[in-house]
Amino acid sequence: MTSSIHCHEVKRIERGGAEYITFKLLDPSHPQYKNKAIRVDDFTERKVKNSFGQSEYRYVIKTEVTLFGETFEAEFTLADREKMRNPVLLGKRLLKGRFLVDVSKQNLSYKKKNKA
């Protein structure tokens, strides 16, 4: 499973032979919303199954993510996660071989950050 991040106003643009996508992360109601359009020219499009089991095409970008003080390159699909509880879903590809997931615990990274 690929990781996914909530975004909106996703646009694919072609200009002068170059192609890129723009998007905004999160929603205006989110406390960390910045109303900033992000432009990416290194992207692909992939068919994925959404949380309801339906296939759809999504843009896939590569970016860095920092977890527990370590930074990794990861792929994220751009998705409308407005109705989901969390704006980011970390997939098995990112976690496999790096982390042990204990579903009985939560907010461990946040707690570690506040101790430092």
PDB file of N, CA and C in Angstrom:
ATOM      1  N   MET A   1       0.834  -1.172   0.000  1.00  0.00           N
ATOM      2  CA  MET A   1       0.000   0.000   0.000  1.00  0.00           C
ATOM      3  C   MET A   1       0.888   1.247   0.000  1.00  0.00           C
ATOM      4  N   THR A   2       0.535   2.195  -0.856  1.00  0.00           N
ATOM      5  CA  THR A   2       1.260   3.451  -0.963  1.00  0.00           C
ATOM      6  C   THR A   2       0.696   4.446   0.041  1.00  0.00           C
ATOM      7  N   SER A   3       1.529   5.331   0.525  1.00  0.00           N
ATOM      8  CA  SER A   3       1.087   6.381   1.429  1.00  0.00           C
ATOM      9  C   SER A   3       0.230   7.380   0.661  1.00  0.00           C
ATOM     10  N   SER A   4      -0.601   8.098   1.400  1.00  0.00           N
ATOM     11  CA  SER A   4      -1.529   9.036   0.782  1.00  0.00           C
ATOM     12  C   SER A   4      -1.600  10.307   1.613  1.00  0.00           C
ATOM     13  N   ILE A   5      -1.762  11.445   0.953  1.00  0.00           N
ATOM     14  CA  ILE A   5      -1.853  12.723   1.658  1.00  0.00           C
ATOM     15  C   ILE A   5      -3.037  13.515   1.120  1.00  0.00           C
ATOM     16  N   HIS A   6      -3.746  14.177   2.030  1.00  0.00           N
ATOM     17  CA  HIS A   6      -4.921  14.953   1.642  1.00  0.00           C
ATOM     18  C   HIS A   6      -4.510  16.259   0.973  1.00  0.00           C
ATOM     19  N   CYS A   7      -5.128  16.530  -0.158  1.00  0.00           N
ATOM     20  CA  CYS A   7      -4.902  17.805  -0.842  1.00  0.00           C
ATOM     21  C   CYS A   7      -6.140  18.161  -1.655  1.00  0.00           C
ATOM     22  N   HIS A   8      -6.154  19.389  -2.126  1.00  0.00           N
ATOM     23  CA  HIS A   8      -7.261  19.852  -2.957  1.00  0.00           C
ATOM     24  C   HIS A   8      -6.723  20.807  -4.011  1.00  0.00           C
ATOM     25  N   GLU A   9      -7.605  21.220  -4.906  1.00  0.00           N
ATOM     26  CA  GLU A   9      -7.237  22.093  -6.032  1.00  0.00           C
ATOM     27  C   GLU A   9      -6.072  21.508  -6.837  1.00  0.00           C
ATOM     28  N   VAL A  10      -6.151  20.222  -7.112  1.00  0.00           N
ATOM     29  CA  VAL A  10      -5.115  19.547  -7.899  1.00  0.00           C
ATOM     30  C   VAL A  10      -5.331  19.885  -9.373  1.00  0.00           C
ATOM     31  N   LYS A  11      -4.274  20.390 -10.016  1.00  0.00           N
ATOM     32  CA  LYS A  11      -4.356  20.761 -11.422  1.00  0.00           C
ATOM     33  C   LYS A  11      -3.127  20.256 -12.166  1.00  0.00           C
ATOM     34  N   ARG A  12      -3.366  19.669 -13.320  1.00  0.00           N
ATOM     35  CA  ARG A  12      -2.272  19.257 -14.213  1.00  0.00           C
ATOM     36  C   ARG A  12      -2.126  20.343 -15.268  1.00  0.00           C
ATOM     37  N   ILE A  13      -0.910  20.857 -15.430  1.00  0.00           N
ATOM     38  CA  ILE A  13      -0.679  21.996 -16.312  1.00  0.00           C
ATOM     39  C   ILE A  13       0.425  21.661 -17.306  1.00  0.00           C
ATOM     40  N   GLU A  14       0.201  22.039 -18.556  1.00  0.00           N
ATOM     41  CA  GLU A  14       1.211  21.901 -19.611  1.00  0.00           C
ATOM     42  C   GLU A  14       1.514  23.288 -20.145  1.00  0.00           C
ATOM     43  N   ARG A  15       2.799  23.662 -20.108  1.00  0.00           N
ATOM     44  CA  ARG A  15       3.222  24.961 -20.648  1.00  0.00           C
ATOM     45  C   ARG A  15       4.573  24.817 -21.313  1.00  0.00           C
ATOM     46  N   GLY A  16       4.667  25.278 -22.535  1.00  0.00           N
ATOM     47  CA  GLY A  16       5.937  25.273 -23.243  1.00  0.00           C
ATOM     48  C   GLY A  16       6.592  23.907 -23.313  1.00  0.00           C
ATOM     49  N   GLY A  17       5.804  22.856 -23.452  1.00  0.00           N
ATOM     50  CA  GLY A  17       6.344  21.504 -23.529  1.00  0.00           C
ATOM     51  C   GLY A  17       6.631  20.873 -22.180  1.00  0.00           C
ATOM     52  N   ALA A  18       6.519  21.648 -21.108  1.00  0.00           N
ATOM     53  CA  ALA A  18       6.740  21.115 -19.760  1.00  0.00           C
ATOM     54  C   ALA A  18       5.393  20.798 -19.111  1.00  0.00           C
ATOM     55  N   GLU A  19       5.417  19.787 -18.262  1.00  0.00           N
ATOM     56  CA  GLU A  19       4.194  19.366 -17.593  1.00  0.00           C
ATOM     57  C   GLU A  19       4.448  19.311 -16.089  1.00  0.00           C
ATOM     58  N   TYR A  20       3.486  19.803 -15.315  1.00  0.00           N
ATOM     59  CA  TYR A  20       3.605  19.755 -13.859  1.00  0.00           C
ATOM     60  C   TYR A  20       2.218  19.744 -13.233  1.00  0.00           C
ATOM     61  N   ILE A  21       2.170  19.471 -11.937  1.00  0.00           N
ATOM     62  CA  ILE A  21       0.911  19.538 -11.206  1.00  0.00           C
ATOM     63  C   ILE A  21       1.058  20.559 -10.088  1.00  0.00           C
ATOM     64  N   THR A  22      -0.052  21.183  -9.731  1.00  0.00           N
ATOM     65  CA  THR A  22      -0.101  22.059  -8.571  1.00  0.00           C
ATOM     66  C   THR A  22      -1.212  21.554  -7.656  1.00  0.00           C
ATOM     67  N   PHE A  23      -1.048  21.785  -6.362  1.00  0.00           N
ATOM     68  CA  PHE A  23      -2.052  21.361  -5.393  1.00  0.00           C
ATOM     69  C   PHE A  23      -1.838  22.117  -4.090  1.00  0.00           C
ATOM     70  N   LYS A  24      -2.860  22.095  -3.239  1.00  0.00           N
ATOM     71  CA  LYS A  24      -2.772  22.681  -1.909  1.00  0.00           C
ATOM     72  C   LYS A  24      -2.996  21.570  -0.894  1.00  0.00           C
ATOM     73  N   LEU A  25      -2.151  21.546   0.130  1.00  0.00           N
ATOM     74  CA  LEU A  25      -2.264  20.547   1.187  1.00  0.00           C
ATOM     75  C   LEU A  25      -3.284  20.960   2.234  1.00  0.00           C
ATOM     76  N   LEU A  26      -3.950  19.976   2.788  1.00  0.00           N
ATOM     77  CA  LEU A  26      -4.920  20.152   3.865  1.00  0.00           C
ATOM     78  C   LEU A  26      -6.111  20.992   3.419  1.00  0.00           C
ATOM     79  N   ASP A  27      -6.972  21.358   4.355  1.00  0.00           N
ATOM     80  CA  ASP A  27      -8.145  22.180   4.094  1.00  0.00           C
ATOM     81  C   ASP A  27      -8.031  23.477   4.879  1.00  0.00           C
ATOM     82  N   PRO A  28      -8.723  24.524   4.436  1.00  0.00           N
ATOM     83  CA  PRO A  28      -8.658  25.795   5.167  1.00  0.00           C
ATOM     84  C   PRO A  28      -9.039  25.676   6.641  1.00  0.00           C
ATOM     85  N   SER A  29      -9.842  24.699   7.002  1.00  0.00           N
ATOM     86  CA  SER A  29     -10.244  24.533   8.406  1.00  0.00           C
ATOM     87  C   SER A  29      -9.155  23.888   9.272  1.00  0.00           C
ATOM     88  N   HIS A  30      -8.122  23.310   8.644  1.00  0.00           N
ATOM     89  CA  HIS A  30      -7.049  22.644   9.401  1.00  0.00           C
ATOM     90  C   HIS A  30      -6.131  23.698  10.020  1.00  0.00           C
ATOM     91  N   PRO A  31      -5.712  23.509  11.289  1.00  0.00           N
ATOM     92  CA  PRO A  31      -4.873  24.514  11.958  1.00  0.00           C
ATOM     93  C   PRO A  31      -3.517  24.757  11.286  1.00  0.00           C
ATOM     94  N   GLN A  32      -3.019  23.810  10.503  1.00  0.00           N
ATOM     95  CA  GLN A  32      -1.720  23.987   9.844  1.00  0.00           C
ATOM     96  C   GLN A  32      -1.849  24.350   8.364  1.00  0.00           C
ATOM     97  N   TYR A  33      -3.045  24.705   7.933  1.00  0.00           N
ATOM     98  CA  TYR A  33      -3.281  25.083   6.534  1.00  0.00           C
ATOM     99  C   TYR A  33      -2.549  26.379   6.211  1.00  0.00           C
ATOM    100  N   LYS A  34      -1.870  26.423   5.063  1.00  0.00           N
ATOM    101  CA  LYS A  34      -1.076  27.591   4.686  1.00  0.00           C
ATOM    102  C   LYS A  34      -1.556  28.261   3.395  1.00  0.00           C
ATOM    103  N   ASN A  35      -2.570  27.717   2.726  1.00  0.00           N
ATOM    104  CA  ASN A  35      -3.096  28.271   1.480  1.00  0.00           C
ATOM    105  C   ASN A  35      -1.989  28.497   0.448  1.00  0.00           C
ATOM    106  N   LYS A  36      -1.039  27.578   0.403  1.00  0.00           N
ATOM    107  CA  LYS A  36       0.096  27.696  -0.509  1.00  0.00           C
ATOM    108  C   LYS A  36      -0.011  26.616  -1.585  1.00  0.00           C
ATOM    109  N   ALA A  37       0.054  27.036  -2.839  1.00  0.00           N
ATOM    110  CA  ALA A  37       0.043  26.073  -3.942  1.00  0.00           C
ATOM    111  C   ALA A  37       1.438  25.484  -4.094  1.00  0.00           C
ATOM    112  N   ILE A  38       1.500  24.183  -4.152  1.00  0.00           N
ATOM    113  CA  ILE A  38       2.764  23.462  -4.318  1.00  0.00           C
ATOM    114  C   ILE A  38       2.843  23.007  -5.763  1.00  0.00           C
ATOM    115  N   ARG A  39       4.006  23.175  -6.367  1.00  0.00           N
ATOM    116  CA  ARG A  39       4.215  22.804  -7.770  1.00  0.00           C
ATOM    117  C   ARG A  39       5.233  21.675  -7.832  1.00  0.00           C
ATOM    118  N   VAL A  40       4.883  20.601  -8.559  1.00  0.00           N
ATOM    119  CA  VAL A  40       5.746  19.436  -8.686  1.00  0.00           C
ATOM    120  C   VAL A  40       5.822  19.035 -10.154  1.00  0.00           C
ATOM    121  N   ASP A  41       7.056  18.888 -10.658  1.00  0.00           N
ATOM    122  CA  ASP A  41       7.188  18.441 -12.045  1.00  0.00           C
ATOM    123  C   ASP A  41       7.641  16.989 -12.151  1.00  0.00           C
ATOM    124  N   ASP A  42       7.994  16.379 -11.025  1.00  0.00           N
ATOM    125  CA  ASP A  42       8.374  14.969 -10.993  1.00  0.00           C
ATOM    126  C   ASP A  42       7.215  14.180 -10.381  1.00  0.00           C
ATOM    127  N   PHE A  43       6.321  13.702 -11.237  1.00  0.00           N
ATOM    128  CA  PHE A  43       5.142  12.980 -10.771  1.00  0.00           C
ATOM    129  C   PHE A  43       4.782  11.886 -11.769  1.00  0.00           C
ATOM    130  N   THR A  44       3.987  10.946 -11.307  1.00  0.00           N
ATOM    131  CA  THR A  44       3.428   9.918 -12.181  1.00  0.00           C
ATOM    132  C   THR A  44       1.939   9.828 -11.886  1.00  0.00           C
ATOM    133  N   GLU A  45       1.253   9.027 -12.659  1.00  0.00           N
ATOM    134  CA  GLU A  45      -0.156   8.763 -12.411  1.00  0.00           C
ATOM    135  C   GLU A  45      -0.316   7.253 -12.305  1.00  0.00           C
ATOM    136  N   ARG A  46      -1.055   6.819 -11.301  1.00  0.00           N
ATOM    137  CA  ARG A  46      -1.169   5.384 -11.039  1.00  0.00           C
ATOM    138  C   ARG A  46      -2.610   5.030 -10.667  1.00  0.00           C
ATOM    139  N   LYS A  47      -3.001   3.835 -11.061  1.00  0.00           N
ATOM    140  CA  LYS A  47      -4.313   3.319 -10.682  1.00  0.00           C
ATOM    141  C   LYS A  47      -4.191   2.689  -9.295  1.00  0.00           C
ATOM    142  N   VAL A  48      -5.007   3.157  -8.349  1.00  0.00           N
ATOM    143  CA  VAL A  48      -4.973   2.638  -6.979  1.00  0.00           C
ATOM    144  C   VAL A  48      -6.397   2.340  -6.527  1.00  0.00           C
ATOM    145  N   LYS A  49      -6.498   1.529  -5.487  1.00  0.00           N
ATOM    146  CA  LYS A  49      -7.809   1.275  -4.884  1.00  0.00           C
ATOM    147  C   LYS A  49      -7.973   2.231  -3.711  1.00  0.00           C
ATOM    148  N   ASN A  50      -9.102   2.917  -3.672  1.00  0.00           N
ATOM    149  CA  ASN A  50      -9.353   3.835  -2.566  1.00  0.00           C
ATOM    150  C   ASN A  50      -9.843   3.065  -1.343  1.00  0.00           C
ATOM    151  N   SER A  51     -10.136   3.787  -0.275  1.00  0.00           N
ATOM    152  CA  SER A  51     -10.535   3.133   0.975  1.00  0.00           C
ATOM    153  C   SER A  51     -11.867   2.403   0.867  1.00  0.00           C
ATOM    154  N   PHE A  52     -12.623   2.644  -0.196  1.00  0.00           N
ATOM    155  CA  PHE A  52     -13.894   1.959  -0.408  1.00  0.00           C
ATOM    156  C   PHE A  52     -13.744   0.784  -1.364  1.00  0.00           C
ATOM    157  N   GLY A  53     -12.488   0.495  -1.781  1.00  0.00           N
ATOM    158  CA  GLY A  53     -12.223  -0.631  -2.668  1.00  0.00           C
ATOM    159  C   GLY A  53     -12.425  -0.344  -4.140  1.00  0.00           C
ATOM    160  N   GLN A  54     -12.695   0.911  -4.501  1.00  0.00           N
ATOM    161  CA  GLN A  54     -12.906   1.276  -5.896  1.00  0.00           C
ATOM    162  C   GLN A  54     -11.582   1.743  -6.509  1.00  0.00           C
ATOM    163  N   SER A  55     -11.352   1.374  -7.763  1.00  0.00           N
ATOM    164  CA  SER A  55     -10.133   1.793  -8.452  1.00  0.00           C
ATOM    165  C   SER A  55     -10.289   3.214  -8.973  1.00  0.00           C
ATOM    166  N   GLU A  56      -9.212   3.988  -8.851  1.00  0.00           N
ATOM    167  CA  GLU A  56      -9.191   5.346  -9.376  1.00  0.00           C
ATOM    168  C   GLU A  56      -7.759   5.725  -9.722  1.00  0.00           C
ATOM    169  N   TYR A  57      -7.612   6.707 -10.578  1.00  0.00           N
ATOM    170  CA  TYR A  57      -6.281   7.192 -10.941  1.00  0.00           C
ATOM    171  C   TYR A  57      -5.918   8.362 -10.039  1.00  0.00           C
ATOM    172  N   ARG A  58      -4.679   8.336  -9.540  1.00  0.00           N
ATOM    173  CA  ARG A  58      -4.186   9.415  -8.688  1.00  0.00           C
ATOM    174  C   ARG A  58      -2.785   9.800  -9.117  1.00  0.00           C
ATOM    175  N   TYR A  59      -2.439  11.047  -8.849  1.00  0.00           N
ATOM    176  CA  TYR A  59      -1.076  11.495  -9.052  1.00  0.00           C
ATOM    177  C   TYR A  59      -0.223  10.998  -7.894  1.00  0.00           C
ATOM    178  N   VAL A  60       1.016  10.623  -8.212  1.00  0.00           N
ATOM    179  CA  VAL A  60       1.955  10.127  -7.209  1.00  0.00           C
ATOM    180  C   VAL A  60       3.184  11.038  -7.237  1.00  0.00           C
ATOM    181  N   ILE A  61       3.569  11.513  -6.050  1.00  0.00           N
ATOM    182  CA  ILE A  61       4.759  12.363  -5.940  1.00  0.00           C
ATOM    183  C   ILE A  61       5.748  11.709  -4.989  1.00  0.00           C
ATOM    184  N   LYS A  62       7.012  12.077  -5.122  1.00  0.00           N
ATOM    185  CA  LYS A  62       8.033  11.632  -4.182  1.00  0.00           C
ATOM    186  C   LYS A  62       8.404  12.824  -3.308  1.00  0.00           C
ATOM    187  N   THR A  63       8.532  12.569  -2.021  1.00  0.00           N
ATOM    188  CA  THR A  63       8.915  13.615  -1.084  1.00  0.00           C
ATOM    189  C   THR A  63       9.616  12.978   0.098  1.00  0.00           C
ATOM    190  N   GLU A  64      10.159  13.809   0.955  1.00  0.00           N
ATOM    191  CA  GLU A  64      10.802  13.310   2.164  1.00  0.00           C
ATOM    192  C   GLU A  64       9.834  13.398   3.325  1.00  0.00           C
ATOM    193  N   VAL A  65       9.899  12.409   4.191  1.00  0.00           N
ATOM    194  CA  VAL A  65       9.079  12.388   5.395  1.00  0.00           C
ATOM    195  C   VAL A  65       9.999  12.071   6.567  1.00  0.00           C
ATOM    196  N   THR A  66       9.792  12.748   7.684  1.00  0.00           N
ATOM    197  CA  THR A  66      10.604  12.527   8.876  1.00  0.00           C
ATOM    198  C   THR A  66       9.748  11.870   9.949  1.00  0.00           C
ATOM    199  N   LEU A  67      10.200  10.709  10.410  1.00  0.00           N
ATOM    200  CA  LEU A  67       9.520   9.967  11.474  1.00  0.00           C
ATOM    201  C   LEU A  67      10.532   9.619  12.541  1.00  0.00           C
ATOM    202  N   PHE A  68      10.245   9.982  13.761  1.00  0.00           N
ATOM    203  CA  PHE A  68      11.120   9.691  14.902  1.00  0.00           C
ATOM    204  C   PHE A  68      12.555  10.159  14.645  1.00  0.00           C
ATOM    205  N   GLY A  69      12.693  11.314  14.028  1.00  0.00           N
ATOM    206  CA  GLY A  69      14.011  11.895  13.802  1.00  0.00           C
ATOM    207  C   GLY A  69      14.767  11.366  12.604  1.00  0.00           C
ATOM    208  N   GLU A  70      14.202  10.418  11.866  1.00  0.00           N
ATOM    209  CA  GLU A  70      14.842   9.877  10.666  1.00  0.00           C
ATOM    210  C   GLU A  70      14.065  10.326   9.432  1.00  0.00           C
ATOM    211  N   THR A  71      14.785  10.705   8.388  1.00  0.00           N
ATOM    212  CA  THR A  71      14.161  11.181   7.160  1.00  0.00           C
ATOM    213  C   THR A  71      14.272  10.119   6.065  1.00  0.00           C
ATOM    214  N   PHE A  72      13.160   9.876   5.384  1.00  0.00           N
ATOM    215  CA  PHE A  72      13.075   8.872   4.329  1.00  0.00           C
ATOM    216  C   PHE A  72      12.441   9.493   3.098  1.00  0.00           C
ATOM    217  N   GLU A  73      12.827   9.009   1.919  1.00  0.00           N
ATOM    218  CA  GLU A  73      12.114   9.383   0.709  1.00  0.00           C
ATOM    219  C   GLU A  73      10.946   8.423   0.570  1.00  0.00           C
ATOM    220  N   ALA A  74       9.787   8.978   0.226  1.00  0.00           N
ATOM    221  CA  ALA A  74       8.589   8.151   0.129  1.00  0.00           C
ATOM    222  C   ALA A  74       7.702   8.649  -1.004  1.00  0.00           C
ATOM    223  N   GLU A  75       6.867   7.753  -1.496  1.00  0.00           N
ATOM    224  CA  GLU A  75       5.870   8.102  -2.495  1.00  0.00           C
ATOM    225  C   GLU A  75       4.541   8.334  -1.799  1.00  0.00           C
ATOM    226  N   PHE A  76       3.844   9.383  -2.221  1.00  0.00           N
ATOM    227  CA  PHE A  76       2.517   9.694  -1.699  1.00  0.00           C
ATOM    228  C   PHE A  76       1.568   9.908  -2.864  1.00  0.00           C
ATOM    229  N   THR A  77       0.378   9.328  -2.773  1.00  0.00           N
ATOM    230  CA  THR A  77      -0.652   9.650  -3.737  1.00  0.00           C
ATOM    231  C   THR A  77      -1.377  10.886  -3.228  1.00  0.00           C
ATOM    232  N   LEU A  78      -1.817  11.724  -4.151  1.00  0.00           N
ATOM    233  CA  LEU A  78      -2.593  12.915  -3.799  1.00  0.00           C
ATOM    234  C   LEU A  78      -4.053  12.511  -3.796  1.00  0.00           C
ATOM    235  N   ALA A  79      -4.707  12.665  -2.652  1.00  0.00           N
ATOM    236  CA  ALA A  79      -6.068  12.151  -2.500  1.00  0.00           C
ATOM    237  C   ALA A  79      -6.953  13.142  -1.762  1.00  0.00           C
ATOM    238  N   ASP A  80      -8.243  13.004  -1.966  1.00  0.00           N
ATOM    239  CA  ASP A  80      -9.221  13.759  -1.190  1.00  0.00           C
ATOM    240  C   ASP A  80      -9.543  12.926   0.044  1.00  0.00           C
ATOM    241  N   ARG A  81      -8.933  13.271   1.164  1.00  0.00           N
ATOM    242  CA  ARG A  81      -9.158  12.554   2.421  1.00  0.00           C
ATOM    243  C   ARG A  81      -9.991  13.387   3.394  1.00  0.00           C
ATOM    244  N   GLU A  82     -10.765  14.309   2.846  1.00  0.00           N
ATOM    245  CA  GLU A  82     -11.548  15.225   3.677  1.00  0.00           C
ATOM    246  C   GLU A  82     -12.467  14.499   4.663  1.00  0.00           C
ATOM    247  N   LYS A  83     -13.031  13.396   4.224  1.00  0.00           N
ATOM    248  CA  LYS A  83     -13.964  12.669   5.089  1.00  0.00           C
ATOM    249  C   LYS A  83     -13.273  11.643   5.989  1.00  0.00           C
ATOM    250  N   MET A  84     -11.959  11.545   5.873  1.00  0.00           N
ATOM    251  CA  MET A  84     -11.203  10.601   6.690  1.00  0.00           C
ATOM    252  C   MET A  84     -10.771  11.275   7.997  1.00  0.00           C
ATOM    253  N   ARG A  85     -10.463  10.468   8.990  1.00  0.00           N
ATOM    254  CA  ARG A  85     -10.073  11.004  10.289  1.00  0.00           C
ATOM    255  C   ARG A  85      -8.706  11.690  10.238  1.00  0.00           C
ATOM    256  N   ASN A  86      -7.774  11.156   9.451  1.00  0.00           N
ATOM    257  CA  ASN A  86      -6.421  11.704   9.390  1.00  0.00           C
ATOM    258  C   ASN A  86      -6.094  12.153   7.969  1.00  0.00           C
ATOM    259  N   PRO A  87      -5.413  13.297   7.822  1.00  0.00           N
ATOM    260  CA  PRO A  87      -5.084  13.787   6.485  1.00  0.00           C
ATOM    261  C   PRO A  87      -3.963  13.010   5.797  1.00  0.00           C
ATOM    262  N   VAL A  88      -3.218  12.193   6.557  1.00  0.00           N
ATOM    263  CA  VAL A  88      -2.116  11.422   5.982  1.00  0.00           C
ATOM    264  C   VAL A  88      -2.292   9.954   6.350  1.00  0.00           C
ATOM    265  N   LEU A  89      -2.067   9.097   5.366  1.00  0.00           N
ATOM    266  CA  LEU A  89      -2.075   7.655   5.587  1.00  0.00           C
ATOM    267  C   LEU A  89      -0.684   7.139   5.222  1.00  0.00           C
ATOM    268  N   LEU A  90       0.004   6.527   6.177  1.00  0.00           N
ATOM    269  CA  LEU A  90       1.323   5.948   5.907  1.00  0.00           C
ATOM    270  C   LEU A  90       1.132   4.509   5.469  1.00  0.00           C
ATOM    271  N   GLY A  91       1.647   4.192   4.300  1.00  0.00           N
ATOM    272  CA  GLY A  91       1.464   2.867   3.727  1.00  0.00           C
ATOM    273  C   GLY A  91       2.514   1.868   4.170  1.00  0.00           C
ATOM    274  N   LYS A  92       2.254   0.618   3.835  1.00  0.00           N
ATOM    275  CA  LYS A  92       3.168  -0.476   4.199  1.00  0.00           C
ATOM    276  C   LYS A  92       4.543  -0.298   3.580  1.00  0.00           C
ATOM    277  N   ARG A  93       4.603   0.231   2.375  1.00  0.00           N
ATOM    278  CA  ARG A  93       5.908   0.406   1.715  1.00  0.00           C
ATOM    279  C   ARG A  93       6.834   1.316   2.510  1.00  0.00           C
ATOM    280  N   LEU A  94       6.281   2.334   3.119  1.00  0.00           N
ATOM    281  CA  LEU A  94       7.081   3.253   3.922  1.00  0.00           C
ATOM    282  C   LEU A  94       7.489   2.617   5.254  1.00  0.00           C
ATOM    283  N   LEU A  95       6.599   1.870   5.859  1.00  0.00           N
ATOM    284  CA  LEU A  95       6.831   1.319   7.197  1.00  0.00           C
ATOM    285  C   LEU A  95       7.626   0.016   7.210  1.00  0.00           C
ATOM    286  N   LYS A  96       7.465  -0.803   6.170  1.00  0.00           N
ATOM    287  CA  LYS A  96       8.054  -2.143   6.144  1.00  0.00           C
ATOM    288  C   LYS A  96       9.577  -2.118   6.303  1.00  0.00           C
ATOM    289  N   GLY A  97      10.057  -2.903   7.258  1.00  0.00           N
ATOM    290  CA  GLY A  97      11.487  -3.031   7.501  1.00  0.00           C
ATOM    291  C   GLY A  97      12.086  -1.876   8.305  1.00  0.00           C
ATOM    292  N   ARG A  98      11.269  -0.882   8.625  1.00  0.00           N
ATOM    293  CA  ARG A  98      11.760   0.273   9.368  1.00  0.00           C
ATOM    294  C   ARG A  98      11.109   0.419  10.741  1.00  0.00           C
ATOM    295  N   PHE A  99       9.836   0.052  10.826  1.00  0.00           N
ATOM    296  CA  PHE A  99       9.081   0.287  12.048  1.00  0.00           C
ATOM    297  C   PHE A  99       8.257  -0.929  12.419  1.00  0.00           C
ATOM    298  N   LEU A 100       8.040  -1.090  13.699  1.00  0.00           N
ATOM    299  CA  LEU A 100       7.122  -2.091  14.223  1.00  0.00           C
ATOM    300  C   LEU A 100       5.878  -1.327  14.658  1.00  0.00           C
ATOM    301  N   VAL A 101       4.734  -1.698  14.137  1.00  0.00           N
ATOM    302  CA  VAL A 101       3.501  -0.985  14.433  1.00  0.00           C
ATOM    303  C   VAL A 101       2.787  -1.674  15.585  1.00  0.00           C
ATOM    304  N   ASP A 102       2.534  -0.927  16.658  1.00  0.00           N
ATOM    305  CA  ASP A 102       1.772  -1.415  17.800  1.00  0.00           C
ATOM    306  C   ASP A 102       0.469  -0.627  17.823  1.00  0.00           C
ATOM    307  N   VAL A 103      -0.628  -1.251  17.376  1.00  0.00           N
ATOM    308  CA  VAL A 103      -1.901  -0.553  17.240  1.00  0.00           C
ATOM    309  C   VAL A 103      -2.531  -0.181  18.581  1.00  0.00           C
ATOM    310  N   SER A 104      -1.993  -0.699  19.685  1.00  0.00           N
ATOM    311  CA  SER A 104      -2.535  -0.346  20.997  1.00  0.00           C
ATOM    312  C   SER A 104      -1.991   0.993  21.497  1.00  0.00           C
ATOM    313  N   LYS A 105      -1.001   1.559  20.796  1.00  0.00           N
ATOM    314  CA  LYS A 105      -0.406   2.834  21.217  1.00  0.00           C
ATOM    315  C   LYS A 105      -0.690   3.903  20.178  1.00  0.00           C
ATOM    316  N   GLN A 106      -0.613   5.164  20.600  1.00  0.00           N
ATOM    317  CA  GLN A 106      -0.847   6.260  19.666  1.00  0.00           C
ATOM    318  C   GLN A 106      -0.026   7.486  20.021  1.00  0.00           C
ATOM    319  N   ASN A 107       0.213   8.336  19.020  1.00  0.00           N
ATOM    320  CA  ASN A 107       0.929   9.603  19.184  1.00  0.00           C
ATOM    321  C   ASN A 107       2.331   9.454  19.774  1.00  0.00           C
ATOM    322  N   LEU A 108       3.030   8.374  19.477  1.00  0.00           N
ATOM    323  CA  LEU A 108       4.364   8.154  20.036  1.00  0.00           C
ATOM    324  C   LEU A 108       5.368   9.188  19.543  1.00  0.00           C
ATOM    325  N   SER A 109       5.302   9.528  18.274  1.00  0.00           N
ATOM    326  CA  SER A 109       6.231  10.515  17.722  1.00  0.00           C
ATOM    327  C   SER A 109       6.001  11.874  18.365  1.00  0.00           C
ATOM    328  N   TYR A 110       4.752  12.251  18.566  1.00  0.00           N
ATOM    329  CA  TYR A 110       4.406  13.519  19.191  1.00  0.00           C
ATOM    330  C   TYR A 110       4.920  13.568  20.638  1.00  0.00           C
ATOM    331  N   LYS A 111       4.741  12.466  21.346  1.00  0.00           N
ATOM    332  CA  LYS A 111       5.202  12.403  22.751  1.00  0.00           C
ATOM    333  C   LYS A 111       6.725  12.487  22.811  1.00  0.00           C
ATOM    334  N   LYS A 112       7.413  11.827  21.871  1.00  0.00           N
ATOM    335  CA  LYS A 112       8.882  11.872  21.843  1.00  0.00           C
ATOM    336  C   LYS A 112       9.365  13.294  21.561  1.00  0.00           C
ATOM    337  N   LYS A 113       8.686  13.970  20.650  1.00  0.00           N
ATOM    338  CA  LYS A 113       9.050  15.344  20.287  1.00  0.00           C
ATOM    339  C   LYS A 113       8.909  16.278  21.494  1.00  0.00           C
ATOM    340  N   ASN A 114       7.859  16.108  22.264  1.00  0.00           N
ATOM    341  CA  ASN A 114       7.627  16.967  23.422  1.00  0.00           C
ATOM    342  C   ASN A 114       8.570  16.701  24.572  1.00  0.00           C
ATOM    343  N   LYS A 115       9.133  15.488  24.646  1.00  0.00           N
ATOM    344  CA  LYS A 115      10.128  15.188  25.689  1.00  0.00           C
ATOM    345  C   LYS A 115      11.443  15.883  25.423  1.00  0.00           C
ATOM    346  N   ALA A 116      11.775  16.040  24.136  1.00  0.00           N
ATOM    347  CA  ALA A 116      13.079  16.615  23.747  1.00  0.00           C
ATOM    348  C   ALA A 116      13.198  18.087  24.082  1.00  0.00           C
TER     349      ALA A 116
END
